[in-house]
C-alpha atoms as a PDB file:
ATOM      1  CA  MET A   1     -99.218  18.412 191.821  1.00  0.00           C
ATOM      2  CA  VAL A   2    -101.967  20.863 192.801  1.00  0.00           C
ATOM      3  CA  ARG A   3    -104.818  20.029 195.024  1.00  0.00           C
ATOM      4  CA  VAL A   4    -108.097  21.804 196.260  1.00  0.00           C
ATOM      5  CA  LEU A   5    -108.083  21.416 200.085  1.00  0.00           C
ATOM      6  CA  GLN A   6    -111.326  22.894 200.958  1.00  0.00           C
ATOM      7  CA  LEU A   7    -114.404  24.006 199.115  1.00  0.00           C
ATOM      8  CA  SER A   8    -117.250  26.090 200.222  1.00  0.00           C
ATOM      9  CA  HIS A   9    -120.406  26.698 198.006  1.00  0.00           C
ATOM     10  CA  THR A  10    -122.839  29.602 198.822  1.00  0.00           C
ATOM     11  CA  PRO A  11    -126.243  29.720 197.416  1.00  0.00           C
ATOM     12  CA  LEU A  12    -127.033  33.361 196.184  1.00  0.00           C
ATOM     13  CA  LEU A  13    -130.312  35.226 195.495  1.00  0.00           C
ATOM     14  CA  GLN A  14    -131.330  35.814 191.973  1.00  0.00           C
ATOM     15  CA  LYS A  15    -131.164  39.686 192.496  1.00  0.00           C
ATOM     16  CA  GLN A  16    -127.912  40.674 193.759  1.00  0.00           C
ATOM     17  CA  SER A  17    -126.012  43.800 194.854  1.00  0.00           C
ATOM     18  CA  ARG A  18    -122.561  44.755 195.605  1.00  0.00           C
ATOM     19  CA  ASP A  19    -122.955  44.732 199.415  1.00  0.00           C
ATOM     20  CA  TYR A  20    -124.738  41.451 199.482  1.00  0.00           C
ATOM     21  CA  LEU A  21    -121.960  39.633 197.109  1.00  0.00           C
ATOM     22  CA  ILE A  22    -119.066  40.936 199.193  1.00  0.00           C
ATOM     23  CA  GLU A  23    -120.757  39.853 202.360  1.00  0.00           C
ATOM     24  CA  LYS A  24    -121.403  36.365 201.002  1.00  0.00           C
ATOM     25  CA  LEU A  25    -117.898  36.109 200.053  1.00  0.00           C
ATOM     26  CA  ILE A  26    -116.434  37.400 203.203  1.00  0.00           C
ATOM     27  CA  ASP A  27    -118.664  34.879 205.172  1.00  0.00           C
ATOM     28  CA  SER A  28    -117.226  32.141 202.756  1.00  0.00           C
ATOM     29  CA  VAL A  29    -113.751  33.175 203.578  1.00  0.00           C
ATOM     30  CA  ARG A  30    -114.245  33.129 207.294  1.00  0.00           C
ATOM     31  CA  ASP A  31    -115.802  29.590 207.027  1.00  0.00           C
ATOM     32  CA  ILE A  32    -112.780  28.332 205.001  1.00  0.00           C
ATOM     33  CA  ARG A  33    -110.360  29.797 207.362  1.00  0.00           C
ATOM     34  CA  ARG A  34    -112.270  28.394 210.315  1.00  0.00           C
ATOM     35  CA  ILE A  35    -112.248  24.703 208.724  1.00  0.00           C
ATOM     36  CA  VAL A  36    -108.651  24.703 207.498  1.00  0.00           C
ATOM     37  CA  ALA A  37    -107.243  26.063 210.842  1.00  0.00           C
ATOM     38  CA  GLY A  38    -108.257  22.780 212.350  1.00  0.00           C
ATOM     39  CA  LYS A  39    -105.999  21.044 209.717  1.00  0.00           C
ATOM     40  CA  GLY A  40    -103.141  23.338 210.633  1.00  0.00           C
ATOM     41  CA  ILE A  41    -103.417  25.656 207.533  1.00  0.00           C
ATOM     42  CA  ASN A  42    -102.966  29.349 207.768  1.00  0.00           C
ATOM     43  CA  PRO A  43    -103.808  31.168 204.509  1.00  0.00           C
ATOM     44  CA  ILE A  44    -101.552  34.109 203.626  1.00  0.00           C
ATOM     45  CA  CYS A  45    -103.663  35.913 200.992  1.00  0.00           C
ATOM     46  CA  ILE A  46    -106.886  35.843 199.002  1.00  0.00           C
ATOM     47  CA  GLY A  47    -107.150  35.387 195.179  1.00  0.00           C
ATOM     48  CA  THR A  48    -110.431  35.912 193.571  1.00  0.00           C
ATOM     49  CA  SER A  49    -111.801  36.074 190.008  1.00  0.00           C
ATOM     50  CA  ALA A  50    -114.628  38.132 188.552  1.00  0.00           C
ATOM     51  CA  LYS A  51    -116.320  38.628 185.100  1.00  0.00           C
ATOM     52  CA  GLY A  52    -115.633  41.757 183.126  1.00  0.00           C
ATOM     53  CA  PHE A  53    -112.945  44.262 183.014  1.00  0.00           C
ATOM     54  CA  ILE A  54    -110.861  44.471 186.107  1.00  0.00           C
ATOM     55  CA  ASP A  55    -108.004  46.816 187.128  1.00  0.00           C
ATOM     56  CA  HIS A  56    -105.857  44.124 188.578  1.00  0.00           C
ATOM     57  CA  ARG A  57    -103.271  46.331 189.922  1.00  0.00           C
ATOM     58  CA  ALA A  58    -105.581  48.657 191.896  1.00  0.00           C
ATOM     59  CA  GLY A  59    -107.902  45.654 192.871  1.00  0.00           C
ATOM     60  CA  VAL A  60    -110.985  47.250 191.238  1.00  0.00           C
ATOM     61  CA  ILE A  61    -113.702  45.640 189.466  1.00  0.00           C
ATOM     62  CA  VAL A  62    -114.359  48.131 186.636  1.00  0.00           C
ATOM     63  CA  GLY A  63    -117.643  46.663 185.076  1.00  0.00           C
ATOM     64  CA  PRO A  64    -119.774  46.117 183.317  1.00  0.00           C
ATOM     65  CA  ASP A  65    -122.282  45.525 186.213  1.00  0.00           C
ATOM     66  CA  GLN A  66    -123.395  41.996 185.101  1.00  0.00           C
ATOM     67  CA  GLY A  67    -126.782  43.016 186.313  1.00  0.00           C
ATOM     68  CA  ILE A  68    -125.625  43.488 189.844  1.00  0.00           C
ATOM     69  CA  LYS A  69    -126.693  46.562 191.748  1.00  0.00           C
ATOM     70  CA  ASP A  70    -123.707  48.959 192.188  1.00  0.00           C
ATOM     71  CA  TRP A  71    -121.279  46.577 190.582  1.00  0.00           C
ATOM     72  CA  ILE A  72    -119.149  49.195 188.845  1.00  0.00           C
ATOM     73  CA  ASN A  73    -115.940  50.545 189.904  1.00  0.00           C
ATOM     74  CA  VAL A  74    -115.854  48.453 192.958  1.00  0.00           C
ATOM     75  CA  PRO A  75    -112.767  48.783 195.182  1.00  0.00           C
ATOM     76  CA  PHE A  76    -112.992  45.098 195.792  1.00  0.00           C
ATOM     77  CA  ALA A  77    -109.548  44.230 197.005  1.00  0.00           C
ATOM     78  CA  ARG A  78    -109.360  46.923 199.685  1.00  0.00           C
ATOM     79  CA  ILE A  79    -112.887  46.290 200.874  1.00  0.00           C
ATOM     80  CA  VAL A  80    -112.255  42.408 201.275  1.00  0.00           C
ATOM     81  CA  LYS A  81    -108.784  43.325 202.737  1.00  0.00           C
ATOM     82  CA  GLN A  82    -110.208  45.537 205.511  1.00  0.00           C
ATOM     83  CA  GLU A  83    -112.677  42.770 206.440  1.00  0.00           C
ATOM     84  CA  THR A  84    -110.262  39.852 206.353  1.00  0.00           C
ATOM     85  CA  GLY A  85    -106.794  41.352 207.244  1.00  0.00           C
ATOM     86  CA  LEU A  86    -105.295  39.334 204.257  1.00  0.00           C
ATOM     87  CA  PRO A  87    -103.925  40.756 201.118  1.00  0.00           C
ATOM     88  CA  VAL A  88    -106.451  40.286 198.313  1.00  0.00           C
ATOM     89  CA  TYR A  89    -105.966  40.227 194.546  1.00  0.00           C
ATOM     90  CA  VAL A  90    -108.812  40.022 191.969  1.00  0.00           C
ATOM     91  CA  ASP A  91    -108.626  39.463 188.224  1.00  0.00           C
ATOM     92  CA  ASN A  92    -110.908  38.486 185.215  1.00  0.00           C
ATOM     93  CA  ASP A  93    -112.262  35.132 185.463  1.00  0.00           C
ATOM     94  CA  ALA A  94    -111.282  33.814 182.001  1.00  0.00           C
ATOM     95  CA  ASN A  95    -107.733  35.133 182.545  1.00  0.00           C
ATOM     96  CA  MET A  96    -107.562  33.026 185.889  1.00  0.00           C
ATOM     97  CA  MET A  97    -108.707  29.981 184.051  1.00  0.00           C
ATOM     98  CA  THR A  98    -106.038  30.595 181.228  1.00  0.00           C
ATOM     99  CA  ILE A  99    -103.311  30.820 183.895  1.00  0.00           C
ATOM    100  CA  ALA A 100    -104.588  27.544 185.502  1.00  0.00           C
ATOM    101  CA  GLU A 101    -104.796  25.552 182.454  1.00  0.00           C
ATOM    102  CA  HIS A 102    -101.266  26.888 181.338  1.00  0.00           C
ATOM    103  CA  ARG A 103     -99.722  26.084 184.861  1.00  0.00           C
ATOM    104  CA  PHE A 104    -101.488  22.876 185.795  1.00  0.00           C
ATOM    105  CA  GLY A 105    -103.843  21.724 183.074  1.00  0.00           C
ATOM    106  CA  ALA A 106    -104.036  21.108 179.221  1.00  0.00           C
ATOM    107  CA  ALA A 107    -101.642  23.750 178.403  1.00  0.00           C
ATOM    108  CA  ARG A 108     -98.955  22.852 180.744  1.00  0.00           C
ATOM    109  CA  GLY A 109     -95.497  23.025 179.109  1.00  0.00           C
ATOM    110  CA  TYR A 110     -96.781  25.260 176.173  1.00  0.00           C
ATOM    111  CA  LYS A 111     -95.649  28.827 175.635  1.00  0.00           C
ATOM    112  CA  ASN A 112     -98.136  30.021 173.359  1.00  0.00           C
ATOM    113  CA  VAL A 113    -101.733  29.205 174.248  1.00  0.00           C
ATOM    114  CA  ILE A 114    -105.227  30.420 173.744  1.00  0.00           C
ATOM    115  CA  PHE A 115    -108.027  29.497 176.067  1.00  0.00           C
ATOM    116  CA  VAL A 116    -111.709  29.936 174.911  1.00  0.00           C
ATOM    117  CA  ALA A 117    -114.595  29.543 177.622  1.00  0.00           C
ATOM    118  CA  LEU A 118    -117.542  28.326 175.826  1.00  0.00           C
ATOM    119  CA  ARG A 119    -120.363  29.123 178.027  1.00  0.00           C
ATOM    120  CA  THR A 120    -123.466  31.467 178.061  1.00  0.00           C
ATOM    121  CA  GLY A 121    -121.193  34.111 176.669  1.00  0.00           C
ATOM    122  CA  ILE A 122    -117.510  33.466 175.315  1.00  0.00           C
ATOM    123  CA  GLY A 123    -114.518  34.446 177.116  1.00  0.00           C
ATOM    124  CA  GLY A 124    -110.829  33.709 176.860  1.00  0.00           C
ATOM    125  CA  GLY A 125    -107.440  34.402 177.558  1.00  0.00           C
ATOM    126  CA  ILE A 126    -104.008  34.505 175.726  1.00  0.00           C
ATOM    127  CA  ILE A 127    -100.568  33.435 176.691  1.00  0.00           C
ATOM    128  CA  ILE A 128     -97.656  34.680 174.503  1.00  0.00           C
ATOM    129  CA  ASN A 129     -94.233  33.462 175.241  1.00  0.00           C
ATOM    130  CA  GLY A 130     -95.232  32.108 178.609  1.00  0.00           C
ATOM    131  CA  LYS A 131     -96.957  35.165 179.758  1.00  0.00           C
ATOM    132  CA  LEU A 132    -100.368  36.363 180.138  1.00  0.00           C
ATOM    133  CA  TYR A 133    -101.278  38.884 177.322  1.00  0.00           C
ATOM    134  CA  ARG A 134    -103.267  41.608 179.084  1.00  0.00           C
ATOM    135  CA  GLY A 135    -103.432  44.392 176.519  1.00  0.00           C
ATOM    136  CA  ALA A 136    -104.018  48.000 177.574  1.00  0.00           C
ATOM    137  CA  GLY A 137    -106.087  48.743 180.565  1.00  0.00           C
ATOM    138  CA  ASN A 138    -106.148  44.896 181.273  1.00  0.00           C
ATOM    139  CA  ALA A 139    -108.784  44.517 178.536  1.00  0.00           C
ATOM    140  CA  GLY A 140    -107.224  42.013 176.120  1.00  0.00           C
ATOM    141  CA  GLY A 141    -108.353  38.642 175.408  1.00  0.00           C
ATOM    142  CA  GLU A 142    -112.231  39.521 174.674  1.00  0.00           C
ATOM    143  CA  ILE A 143    -112.188  36.672 172.162  1.00  0.00           C
ATOM    144  CA  GLY A 144    -115.989  36.340 172.123  1.00  0.00           C
ATOM    145  CA  GLN A 145    -116.440  40.155 170.771  1.00  0.00           C
ATOM    146  CA  MET A 146    -114.499  39.441 167.610  1.00  0.00           C
ATOM    147  CA  ILE A 147    -116.747  39.766 164.562  1.00  0.00           C
ATOM    148  CA  ILE A 148    -117.503  36.673 162.351  1.00  0.00           C
ATOM    149  CA  ASN A 149    -120.498  37.737 160.428  1.00  0.00           C
ATOM    150  CA  TYR A 150    -121.050  41.477 160.108  1.00  0.00           C
ATOM    151  CA  ASP A 151    -124.577  41.249 158.056  1.00  0.00           C
ATOM    152  CA  ASN A 152    -126.365  39.780 161.124  1.00  0.00           C
ATOM    153  CA  GLY A 153    -127.026  39.559 164.841  1.00  0.00           C
ATOM    154  CA  THR A 154    -126.504  42.437 167.203  1.00  0.00           C
ATOM    155  CA  SER A 155    -125.373  41.215 170.656  1.00  0.00           C
ATOM    156  CA  ASP A 156    -126.539  42.461 173.914  1.00  0.00           C
ATOM    157  CA  LYS A 157    -123.238  44.446 174.291  1.00  0.00           C
ATOM    158  CA  GLY A 158    -124.272  46.246 170.916  1.00  0.00           C
ATOM    159  CA  ILE A 159    -121.557  44.609 168.768  1.00  0.00           C
ATOM    160  CA  LYS A 160    -122.747  43.403 165.215  1.00  0.00           C
ATOM    161  CA  GLY A 161    -122.073  39.777 164.398  1.00  0.00           C
ATOM    162  CA  SER A 162    -119.772  38.843 167.216  1.00  0.00           C
ATOM    163  CA  TYR A 163    -118.434  35.470 167.947  1.00  0.00           C
ATOM    164  CA  GLU A 164    -120.438  35.228 171.218  1.00  0.00           C
ATOM    165  CA  HIS A 165    -123.780  35.867 169.335  1.00  0.00           C
ATOM    166  CA  PHE A 166    -123.307  33.251 167.028  1.00  0.00           C
ATOM    167  CA  ALA A 167    -121.390  30.313 168.942  1.00  0.00           C
ATOM    168  CA  SER A 168    -122.008  30.581 172.503  1.00  0.00           C
ATOM    169  CA  ALA A 169    -124.497  28.551 174.692  1.00  0.00           C
ATOM    170  CA  ALA A 170    -127.086  31.319 174.339  1.00  0.00           C
ATOM    171  CA  SER A 171    -126.895  31.044 170.697  1.00  0.00           C
ATOM    172  CA  ILE A 172    -127.626  27.262 170.828  1.00  0.00           C
ATOM    173  CA  VAL A 173    -130.731  27.855 172.763  1.00  0.00           C
ATOM    174  CA  ARG A 174    -131.832  30.622 170.454  1.00  0.00           C
ATOM    175  CA  ARG A 175    -131.168  28.570 167.309  1.00  0.00           C
ATOM    176  CA  TYR A 176    -132.936  25.441 168.686  1.00  0.00           C
ATOM    177  CA  ASN A 177    -136.058  27.614 169.443  1.00  0.00           C
ATOM    178  CA  GLU A 178    -135.913  28.969 165.782  1.00  0.00           C
ATOM    179  CA  GLU A 179    -135.638  25.418 164.391  1.00  0.00           C
ATOM    180  CA  SER A 180    -138.257  23.689 166.508  1.00  0.00           C
ATOM    181  CA  GLY A 181    -140.706  26.568 165.742  1.00  0.00           C
ATOM    182  CA  ILE A 182    -141.471  27.050 169.489  1.00  0.00           C
ATOM    183  CA  SER A 183    -141.022  30.541 170.680  1.00  0.00           C
ATOM    184  CA  PRO A 184    -139.432  30.738 174.291  1.00  0.00           C
ATOM    185  CA  GLY A 185    -142.369  32.253 175.688  1.00  0.00           C
ATOM    186  CA  LYS A 186    -144.840  29.353 174.564  1.00  0.00           C
ATOM    187  CA  ARG A 187    -142.576  26.766 176.471  1.00  0.00           C
ATOM    188  CA  GLN A 188    -143.597  25.454 179.700  1.00  0.00           C
ATOM    189  CA  LYS A 189    -139.939  25.142 180.699  1.00  0.00           C
ATOM    190  CA  SER A 190    -137.061  26.900 179.232  1.00  0.00           C
ATOM    191  CA  ILE A 191    -134.690  24.606 177.654  1.00  0.00           C
ATOM    192  CA  SER A 192    -130.897  24.533 178.518  1.00  0.00           C
ATOM    193  CA  CYS A 193    -127.878  24.337 176.127  1.00  0.00           C
ATOM    194  CA  LYS A 194    -127.023  21.074 178.048  1.00  0.00           C
ATOM    195  CA  GLU A 195    -130.448  19.509 177.370  1.00  0.00           C
ATOM    196  CA  ILE A 196    -130.048  20.404 173.531  1.00  0.00           C
ATOM    197  CA  PHE A 197    -126.896  18.432 173.386  1.00  0.00           C
ATOM    198  CA  GLU A 198    -128.457  15.550 175.183  1.00  0.00           C
ATOM    199  CA  LEU A 199    -131.144  15.676 172.533  1.00  0.00           C
ATOM    200  CA  SER A 200    -128.722  15.686 169.763  1.00  0.00           C
ATOM    201  CA  TYR A 201    -127.043  12.318 171.247  1.00  0.00           C
ATOM    202  CA  ASN A 202    -130.511  10.896 171.040  1.00  0.00           C
ATOM    203  CA  ASN A 203    -130.655  12.125 167.126  1.00  0.00           C
ATOM    204  CA  SER A 204    -133.214  14.803 167.687  1.00  0.00           C
ATOM    205  CA  PRO A 205    -133.106  16.453 164.143  1.00  0.00           C
ATOM    206  CA  GLU A 206    -133.311  20.001 165.420  1.00  0.00           C
ATOM    207  CA  ALA A 207    -130.716  19.450 167.908  1.00  0.00           C
ATOM    208  CA  VAL A 208    -128.374  17.694 165.734  1.00  0.00           C
ATOM    209  CA  THR A 209    -128.625  20.708 163.311  1.00  0.00           C
ATOM    210  CA  VAL A 210    -128.167  23.230 165.852  1.00  0.00           C
ATOM    211  CA  VAL A 211    -125.143  21.452 167.595  1.00  0.00           C
ATOM    212  CA  LYS A 212    -123.451  20.844 163.973  1.00  0.00           C
ATOM    213  CA  GLU A 213    -123.923  24.663 163.067  1.00  0.00           C
ATOM    214  CA  ASN A 214    -122.613  25.649 166.410  1.00  0.00           C
ATOM    215  CA  ALA A 215    -119.424  23.400 166.143  1.00  0.00           C
ATOM    216  CA  GLU A 216    -118.858  24.963 162.792  1.00  0.00           C
ATOM    217  CA  MET A 217    -119.233  28.629 164.225  1.00  0.00           C
ATOM    218  CA  VAL A 218    -116.955  27.786 167.091  1.00  0.00           C
ATOM    219  CA  GLY A 219    -114.417  26.394 164.659  1.00  0.00           C
ATOM    220  CA  ILE A 220    -114.659  29.557 162.498  1.00  0.00           C
ATOM    221  CA  GLY A 221    -113.741  31.742 165.515  1.00  0.00           C
ATOM    222  CA  LEU A 222    -110.613  29.427 166.277  1.00  0.00           C
ATOM    223  CA  ALA A 223    -109.816  29.558 162.709  1.00  0.00           C
ATOM    224  CA  ASN A 224    -109.479  33.444 163.006  1.00  0.00           C
ATOM    225  CA  LEU A 225    -107.239  32.999 166.092  1.00  0.00           C
ATOM    226  CA  ILE A 226    -105.084  30.292 164.593  1.00  0.00           C
ATOM    227  CA  THR A 227    -104.425  32.426 161.683  1.00  0.00           C
ATOM    228  CA  ILE A 228    -103.599  35.547 163.776  1.00  0.00           C
ATOM    229  CA  PHE A 229    -101.544  33.961 166.704  1.00  0.00           C
ATOM    230  CA  ALA A 230    -100.314  30.586 165.432  1.00  0.00           C
ATOM    231  CA  PRO A 231    -100.591  29.092 168.889  1.00  0.00           C
ATOM    232  CA  GLU A 232     -99.292  25.667 169.951  1.00  0.00           C
ATOM    233  CA  ILE A 233    -102.473  24.742 171.698  1.00  0.00           C
ATOM    234  CA  ILE A 234    -106.145  26.103 172.046  1.00  0.00           C
ATOM    235  CA  VAL A 235    -107.797  24.918 175.227  1.00  0.00           C
ATOM    236  CA  LEU A 236    -111.637  24.855 175.160  1.00  0.00           C
ATOM    237  CA  GLY A 237    -113.170  25.301 178.634  1.00  0.00           C
ATOM    238  CA  GLY A 238    -116.667  26.150 180.005  1.00  0.00           C
ATOM    239  CA  GLY A 239    -119.677  24.021 180.124  1.00  0.00           C
ATOM    240  CA  MET A 240    -120.113  23.224 176.345  1.00  0.00           C
ATOM    241  CA  SER A 241    -116.384  21.856 176.240  1.00  0.00           C
ATOM    242  CA  GLU A 242    -117.797  18.889 178.106  1.00  0.00           C
ATOM    243  CA  ALA A 243    -119.926  17.845 175.395  1.00  0.00           C
ATOM    244  CA  HIS A 244    -119.168  14.474 173.545  1.00  0.00           C
ATOM    245  CA  ASP A 245    -115.956  13.952 171.529  1.00  0.00           C
ATOM    246  CA  SER A 246    -117.966  14.145 168.159  1.00  0.00           C
ATOM    247  CA  TYR A 247    -118.635  17.895 169.061  1.00  0.00           C
ATOM    248  CA  ILE A 248    -114.901  18.669 169.533  1.00  0.00           C
ATOM    249  CA  SER A 249    -114.266  16.630 166.456  1.00  0.00           C
ATOM    250  CA  MET A 250    -116.480  18.941 164.371  1.00  0.00           C
ATOM    251  CA  ILE A 251    -114.806  22.063 165.931  1.00  0.00           C
ATOM    252  CA  ARG A 252    -111.305  20.841 164.994  1.00  0.00           C
ATOM    253  CA  GLU A 253    -112.232  19.890 161.477  1.00  0.00           C
ATOM    254  CA  THR A 254    -113.852  23.213 160.764  1.00  0.00           C
ATOM    255  CA  ALA A 255    -110.939  25.153 162.674  1.00  0.00           C
ATOM    256  CA  PHE A 256    -108.251  23.263 160.505  1.00  0.00           C
ATOM    257  CA  ALA A 257    -110.138  23.697 157.258  1.00  0.00           C
ATOM    258  CA  ASN A 258    -110.361  27.246 157.517  1.00  0.00           C
ATOM    259  CA  SER A 259    -106.836  28.338 158.748  1.00  0.00           C
ATOM    260  CA  LEU A 260    -103.332  28.550 157.178  1.00  0.00           C
ATOM    261  CA  GLU A 261    -101.266  25.415 157.051  1.00  0.00           C
ATOM    262  CA  ASN A 262     -98.390  27.046 158.431  1.00  0.00           C
ATOM    263  CA  CYS A 263    -100.115  28.753 161.276  1.00  0.00           C
ATOM    264  CA  ARG A 264    -101.601  25.504 162.437  1.00  0.00           C
ATOM    265  CA  SER A 265     -98.558  23.226 161.751  1.00  0.00           C
ATOM    266  CA  GLU A 266     -97.972  22.696 165.640  1.00  0.00           C
ATOM    267  CA  LEU A 267    -101.594  23.204 166.758  1.00  0.00           C
ATOM    268  CA  ARG A 268    -103.468  20.945 169.074  1.00  0.00           C
ATOM    269  CA  ILE A 269    -107.134  21.815 170.292  1.00  0.00           C
ATOM    270  CA  GLU A 270    -107.894  20.270 173.567  1.00  0.00           C
ATOM    271  CA  ARG A 271    -110.614  20.204 176.234  1.00  0.00           C
ATOM    272  CA  ALA A 272    -109.841  21.930 179.651  1.00  0.00           C
ATOM    273  CA  GLN A 273    -108.618  19.482 182.319  1.00  0.00           C
ATOM    274  CA  LEU A 274    -109.408  21.631 185.361  1.00  0.00           C
ATOM    275  CA  GLY A 275    -113.135  22.100 185.046  1.00  0.00           C
ATOM    276  CA  THR A 276    -115.195  24.211 187.395  1.00  0.00           C
ATOM    277  CA  VAL A 277    -112.167  24.775 189.682  1.00  0.00           C
ATOM    278  CA  GLY A 278    -109.999  26.309 187.092  1.00  0.00           C
ATOM    279  CA  SER A 279    -110.599  29.752 188.088  1.00  0.00           C
ATOM    280  CA  LEU A 280    -110.167  28.963 191.708  1.00  0.00           C
ATOM    281  CA  LEU A 281    -106.730  27.433 190.949  1.00  0.00           C
ATOM    282  CA  GLY A 282    -105.644  30.224 188.709  1.00  0.00           C
ATOM    283  CA  SER A 283    -106.638  32.900 191.142  1.00  0.00           C
ATOM    284  CA  ALA A 284    -104.837  31.044 193.980  1.00  0.00           C
ATOM    285  CA  TYR A 285    -101.602  30.634 191.840  1.00  0.00           C
ATOM    286  CA  TRP A 286    -101.877  34.341 190.744  1.00  0.00           C
ATOM    287  CA  SER A 287    -102.371  35.753 194.154  1.00  0.00           C
ATOM    288  CA  LEU A 288     -99.278  33.843 195.580  1.00  0.00           C
ATOM    289  CA  THR A 289     -97.017  34.874 192.689  1.00  0.00           C
ATOM    290  CA  SER A 290     -98.272  38.420 193.093  1.00  0.00           C
ATOM    291  CA  LEU A 291     -97.474  38.437 196.765  1.00  0.00           C
ATOM    292  CA  ALA A 292     -94.074  37.297 195.977  1.00  0.00           C
ATOM    293  CA  GLY A 293     -93.647  40.274 193.607  1.00  0.00           C
ATOM    294  CA  GLN A 294     -93.631  37.976 190.428  1.00  0.00           C
ATOM    295  CA  ASN A 295     -95.179  38.821 187.168  1.00  0.00           C
ATOM    296  CA  ILE A 296     -97.133  35.992 185.164  1.00  0.00           C
END
């Protein structure tokens, strides 16, 4: 049984910098330590997660900058350790979600797992024979950048026809704007992916079309992963995975229809169980095992 003992939420400015983010994080660490000290708890290390490419051995956030000033090659672990006095570990957020779902969530007990984070972009992680697959330079698992339609759609990362471009939350918003015939600039208020799902539940024709199309795109990407890896379970996380069962069912139907029978013979496709605390739990577990000299 795993529990979150204390949470601290910190509002952030829209425009951020390296120094600003690290200052806010250190303030949060101090707040947490002060609160849990009253409960007789003394933390022994800090586990953190971040988007992008991470040199987890050196504790460096490599990049890209995610629109944050000076967020390239940040010696994150060293800086935070200097300020807190505790050992600090940092890794990719989707990898940490993958570890959490494998250790504590929907993929518990499985040895071959793929985690797909369906959100504004698409992230992911891969467990092979019970171990997180990192790839060269800890760069493996970038599921969102596989190509599913080379003839169309160059992403903001410069990749033509990527899974992320066609199947993410951002793609749902883009396609809804196209289907409804209203350009984003002409809307009084920008519409969110969640709002489009809500419209689909109320049978808005444009929303129903876009959500069905998206489920098929998500399923096609999963079909590729199924045929390459033959996993035991695929776990769907991120905000989009919280949609109604009908959406998950459409994804399953497309994924199974477009993958080899032998590769999907033992497969389950399930929602993540840990929600927004997944990356926190994964980071905590990974930091503790790293502190103990273990490799996961």
